C-alpha atoms as a PDB file:
ATOM      1  CA  MET A   1     -39.799 -21.127   0.880  1.00  0.00           C
ATOM      2  CA  THR A   2     -37.467 -23.962   1.252  1.00  0.00           C
ATOM      3  CA  PHE A   3     -33.747 -24.394   1.754  1.00  0.00           C
ATOM      4  CA  GLU A   4     -33.274 -25.258  -1.789  1.00  0.00           C
ATOM      5  CA  ASP A   5     -34.827 -21.717  -2.817  1.00  0.00           C
ATOM      6  CA  LEU A   6     -32.311 -20.078  -0.484  1.00  0.00           C
ATOM      7  CA  THR A   7     -29.240 -22.100  -1.897  1.00  0.00           C
ATOM      8  CA  PRO A   8     -28.237 -19.511  -4.665  1.00  0.00           C
ATOM      9  CA  ILE A   9     -28.655 -16.725  -2.293  1.00  0.00           C
ATOM     10  CA  LEU A  10     -26.592 -18.476   0.270  1.00  0.00           C
ATOM     11  CA  LEU A  11     -23.976 -19.357  -2.253  1.00  0.00           C
ATOM     12  CA  ALA A  12     -23.652 -15.901  -3.560  1.00  0.00           C
ATOM     13  CA  ILE A  13     -23.283 -14.310  -0.014  1.00  0.00           C
ATOM     14  CA  GLY A  14     -20.561 -17.195   0.684  1.00  0.00           C
ATOM     15  CA  ILE A  15     -18.571 -16.166  -2.642  1.00  0.00           C
ATOM     16  CA  LEU A  16     -18.713 -12.556  -1.605  1.00  0.00           C
ATOM     17  CA  VAL A  17     -17.533 -13.229   1.922  1.00  0.00           C
ATOM     18  CA  ALA A  18     -14.640 -15.291   0.637  1.00  0.00           C
ATOM     19  CA  PHE A  19     -13.613 -12.955  -2.044  1.00  0.00           C
ATOM     20  CA  HIS A  20     -13.619  -9.954   0.836  1.00  0.00           C
ATOM     21  CA  PHE A  21     -11.320 -12.414   3.012  1.00  0.00           C
ATOM     22  CA  ILE A  22      -8.926 -13.363   0.001  1.00  0.00           C
ATOM     23  CA  ARG A  23      -8.645  -9.707  -0.967  1.00  0.00           C
ATOM     24  CA  GLN A  24      -7.862  -8.700   2.566  1.00  0.00           C
ATOM     25  CA  PHE A  25      -5.230 -11.449   2.484  1.00  0.00           C
ATOM     26  CA  MET A  26      -3.663 -10.322  -0.763  1.00  0.00           C
ATOM     27  CA  LEU A  27      -3.573  -6.669   0.511  1.00  0.00           C
ATOM     28  CA  GLY A  28      -1.384  -7.658   3.491  1.00  0.00           C
ATOM     29  CA  PRO A  29      -0.893  -5.393   6.516  1.00  0.00           C
ATOM     30  CA  THR A  30      -2.242  -1.964   5.987  1.00  0.00           C
ATOM     31  CA  ILE A  31      -2.000   1.567   7.646  1.00  0.00           C
ATOM     32  CA  SER A  32      -4.821   4.073   7.673  1.00  0.00           C
ATOM     33  CA  VAL A  33      -4.313   7.486   6.609  1.00  0.00           C
ATOM     34  CA  ALA A  34      -4.850   8.843  10.100  1.00  0.00           C
ATOM     35  CA  ASP A  35      -2.237   6.471  11.407  1.00  0.00           C
ATOM     36  CA  LEU A  36       0.502   7.233   8.867  1.00  0.00           C
ATOM     37  CA  SER A  37      -0.260  10.839   9.297  1.00  0.00           C
ATOM     38  CA  ARG A  38       0.357  10.701  13.141  1.00  0.00           C
ATOM     39  CA  HIS A  39       3.646   8.577  12.510  1.00  0.00           C
ATOM     40  CA  LEU A  40       4.894  11.125  10.089  1.00  0.00           C
ATOM     41  CA  GLU A  41       4.511  13.958  12.739  1.00  0.00           C
ATOM     42  CA  ASP A  42       6.884  11.772  14.948  1.00  0.00           C
ATOM     43  CA  LYS A  43      10.355  13.283  13.819  1.00  0.00           C
ATOM     44  CA  ASN A  44      12.022  10.166  15.268  1.00  0.00           C
ATOM     45  CA  ALA A  45       9.936   7.692  13.273  1.00  0.00           C
ATOM     46  CA  ASP A  46      12.108   5.743  10.709  1.00  0.00           C
ATOM     47  CA  ILE A  47       9.769   5.712   7.707  1.00  0.00           C
ATOM     48  CA  ALA A  48      10.379   5.106   3.955  1.00  0.00           C
ATOM     49  CA  LEU A  49       7.520   6.239   1.605  1.00  0.00           C
ATOM     50  CA  ILE A  50       7.544   4.613  -1.476  1.00  0.00           C
ATOM     51  CA  ASP A  51       4.968   5.874  -4.090  1.00  0.00           C
ATOM     52  CA  VAL A  52       4.736   3.111  -6.839  1.00  0.00           C
ATOM     53  CA  ARG A  53       2.535   5.089  -9.237  1.00  0.00           C
ATOM     54  CA  SER A  54       3.804   6.391 -12.633  1.00  0.00           C
ATOM     55  CA  GLU A  55       6.037   9.503 -12.767  1.00  0.00           C
ATOM     56  CA  GLY A  56       3.080  11.304 -14.432  1.00  0.00           C
ATOM     57  CA  GLU A  57       0.668  10.486 -11.525  1.00  0.00           C
ATOM     58  CA  PHE A  58       3.271  11.250  -8.838  1.00  0.00           C
ATOM     59  CA  SER A  59       3.495  14.769  -9.950  1.00  0.00           C
ATOM     60  CA  SER A  60      -0.217  15.016 -10.955  1.00  0.00           C
ATOM     61  CA  GLN A  61      -2.805  17.351  -9.457  1.00  0.00           C
ATOM     62  CA  LEU A  62      -3.346  14.469  -7.005  1.00  0.00           C
ATOM     63  CA  GLY A  63       0.278  15.070  -5.934  1.00  0.00           C
ATOM     64  CA  HIS A  64       2.097  12.727  -3.391  1.00  0.00           C
ATOM     65  CA  ILE A  65       2.966  12.753   0.312  1.00  0.00           C
ATOM     66  CA  PRO A  66       5.871  15.050   1.330  1.00  0.00           C
ATOM     67  CA  GLY A  67       8.888  13.030   1.461  1.00  0.00           C
ATOM     68  CA  ALA A  68       7.629   9.957  -0.661  1.00  0.00           C
ATOM     69  CA  VAL A  69      10.147   8.534  -3.222  1.00  0.00           C
ATOM     70  CA  ASN A  70       8.737   7.800  -6.669  1.00  0.00           C
ATOM     71  CA  ILE A  71       9.583   4.231  -7.945  1.00  0.00           C
ATOM     72  CA  PRO A  72       6.988   3.016 -10.413  1.00  0.00           C
ATOM     73  CA  VAL A  73       5.934  -0.593  -9.572  1.00  0.00           C
ATOM     74  CA  GLY A  74       7.165  -1.834 -12.848  1.00  0.00           C
ATOM     75  CA  ASP A  75      10.589  -0.343 -12.087  1.00  0.00           C
ATOM     76  CA  LEU A  76      10.670  -1.765  -8.364  1.00  0.00           C
ATOM     77  CA  ALA A  77      12.224  -5.181  -9.014  1.00  0.00           C
ATOM     78  CA  ALA A  78      15.292  -3.444 -10.787  1.00  0.00           C
ATOM     79  CA  GLU A  79      15.475  -0.921  -8.039  1.00  0.00           C
ATOM     80  CA  ILE A  80      15.648  -3.704  -5.354  1.00  0.00           C
ATOM     81  CA  LYS A  81      18.247  -5.709  -7.343  1.00  0.00           C
ATOM     82  CA  ALA A  82      20.256  -2.453  -7.793  1.00  0.00           C
ATOM     83  CA  LEU A  83      20.148  -1.540  -3.795  1.00  0.00           C
ATOM     84  CA  GLY A  84      20.979  -5.153  -2.822  1.00  0.00           C
ATOM     85  CA  ASP A  85      21.987  -5.316   0.818  1.00  0.00           C
ATOM     86  CA  GLN A  86      21.548  -1.534   1.316  1.00  0.00           C
ATOM     87  CA  LEU A  87      18.037  -2.094   1.510  1.00  0.00           C
ATOM     88  CA  THR A  88      18.007  -4.502   4.545  1.00  0.00           C
ATOM     89  CA  ALA A  89      20.611  -2.484   6.172  1.00  0.00           C
ATOM     90  CA  GLU A  90      18.099  -0.680   8.431  1.00  0.00           C
ATOM     91  CA  PRO A  91      15.859  -3.645   9.821  1.00  0.00           C
ATOM     92  CA  ASP A  92      13.679  -1.369  12.120  1.00  0.00           C
ATOM     93  CA  LYS A  93      12.746   0.949   9.137  1.00  0.00           C
ATOM     94  CA  LEU A  94       8.949   1.077   8.436  1.00  0.00           C
ATOM     95  CA  PHE A  95       8.300   0.973   4.496  1.00  0.00           C
ATOM     96  CA  VAL A  96       4.910   2.331   3.362  1.00  0.00           C
ATOM     97  CA  THR A  97       3.990   1.553  -0.144  1.00  0.00           C
ATOM     98  CA  ILE A  98       1.588   4.068  -1.932  1.00  0.00           C
ATOM     99  CA  CYS A  99      -0.511   4.079  -5.014  1.00  0.00           C
ATOM    100  CA  ARG A 100      -3.454   5.818  -6.191  1.00  0.00           C
ATOM    101  CA  THR A 101      -6.324   3.621  -4.469  1.00  0.00           C
ATOM    102  CA  HIS A 102      -4.073   0.679  -2.880  1.00  0.00           C
ATOM    103  CA  ASN A 103      -4.322  -1.722  -5.891  1.00  0.00           C
ATOM    104  CA  ARG A 104      -0.662  -1.591  -7.168  1.00  0.00           C
ATOM    105  CA  SER A 105       0.690  -1.148  -3.691  1.00  0.00           C
ATOM    106  CA  PRO A 106       0.197  -4.528  -2.403  1.00  0.00           C
ATOM    107  CA  ARG A 107       2.132  -5.942  -5.216  1.00  0.00           C
ATOM    108  CA  ALA A 108       4.933  -3.716  -4.334  1.00  0.00           C
ATOM    109  CA  ALA A 109       4.767  -4.697  -0.626  1.00  0.00           C
ATOM    110  CA  ARG A 110       5.040  -8.157  -1.528  1.00  0.00           C
ATOM    111  CA  MET A 111       8.054  -7.621  -3.776  1.00  0.00           C
ATOM    112  CA  LEU A 112       9.774  -5.652  -0.785  1.00  0.00           C
ATOM    113  CA  LYS A 113       9.086  -8.437   1.616  1.00  0.00           C
ATOM    114  CA  SER A 114      10.400 -11.007  -0.844  1.00  0.00           C
ATOM    115  CA  ALA A 115      13.521  -9.028  -0.969  1.00  0.00           C
ATOM    116  CA  GLY A 116      13.975  -9.381   2.942  1.00  0.00           C
ATOM    117  CA  LEU A 117      12.299  -6.405   4.231  1.00  0.00           C
ATOM    118  CA  LYS A 118      10.113  -7.106   7.505  1.00  0.00           C
ATOM    119  CA  ASN A 119       8.375  -3.940   8.224  1.00  0.00           C
ATOM    120  CA  VAL A 120       6.248  -3.371   5.075  1.00  0.00           C
ATOM    121  CA  ILE A 121       2.649  -2.046   4.917  1.00  0.00           C
ATOM    122  CA  VAL A 122       0.297  -0.549   2.343  1.00  0.00           C
ATOM    123  CA  LEU A 123      -1.589   2.681   2.872  1.00  0.00           C
ATOM    124  CA  LYS A 124      -4.955   1.765   2.738  1.00  0.00           C
ATOM    125  CA  GLY A 125      -6.977   3.745   0.310  1.00  0.00           C
ATOM    126  CA  GLY A 126      -3.832   5.061  -1.178  1.00  0.00           C
ATOM    127  CA  MET A 127      -3.564   8.917  -2.423  1.00  0.00           C
ATOM    128  CA  MET A 128      -7.318   9.102  -2.889  1.00  0.00           C
ATOM    129  CA  ALA A 129      -7.837   8.520   0.661  1.00  0.00           C
ATOM    130  CA  TRP A 130      -4.828  10.800   1.595  1.00  0.00           C
ATOM    131  CA  ALA A 131      -6.540  13.656  -0.262  1.00  0.00           C
ATOM    132  CA  SER A 132     -10.062  12.976   1.092  1.00  0.00           C
ATOM    133  CA  LYS A 133      -8.604  14.008   4.409  1.00  0.00           C
ATOM    134  CA  LYS A 134      -6.837  17.023   2.830  1.00  0.00           C
ATOM    135  CA  LEU A 135      -3.552  16.028   4.424  1.00  0.00           C
ATOM    136  CA  PRO A 136      -0.359  17.822   2.826  1.00  0.00           C
ATOM    137  CA  VAL A 137       0.721  16.921  -0.593  1.00  0.00           C
ATOM    138  CA  GLU A 138       3.442  18.062  -3.024  1.00  0.00           C
ATOM    139  CA  ASN A 139       3.240  17.997  -6.759  1.00  0.00           C
END
């Protein structure tokens, strides 16, 4: 077998590795379900949970994390504009964006960062990961 025979395989591996790193970059900073659960147990933690799923998903059987606020990702830009400077009034607050599987929440996190928030992270795996660990939910 020659190097030329391996070229298509090596190219495919390279593309997959590049795709993985690009996806991680686009996802941005994340927090695991276990870490978020520990943070939420701390009564002094200043955390805002923003669930960006639709209203129907938010109150579906999958439920939502207790204390989460539902702002569908399509409405987030208008909500950010309406809140204005109130949004950045608490610079140490941690904002966690949540969706079903962490596909929409990175977009929401980028929108919040563009609005001037510094501490914005995505719940890795979203509500599917949260539910898989049988952590508390509300419907």
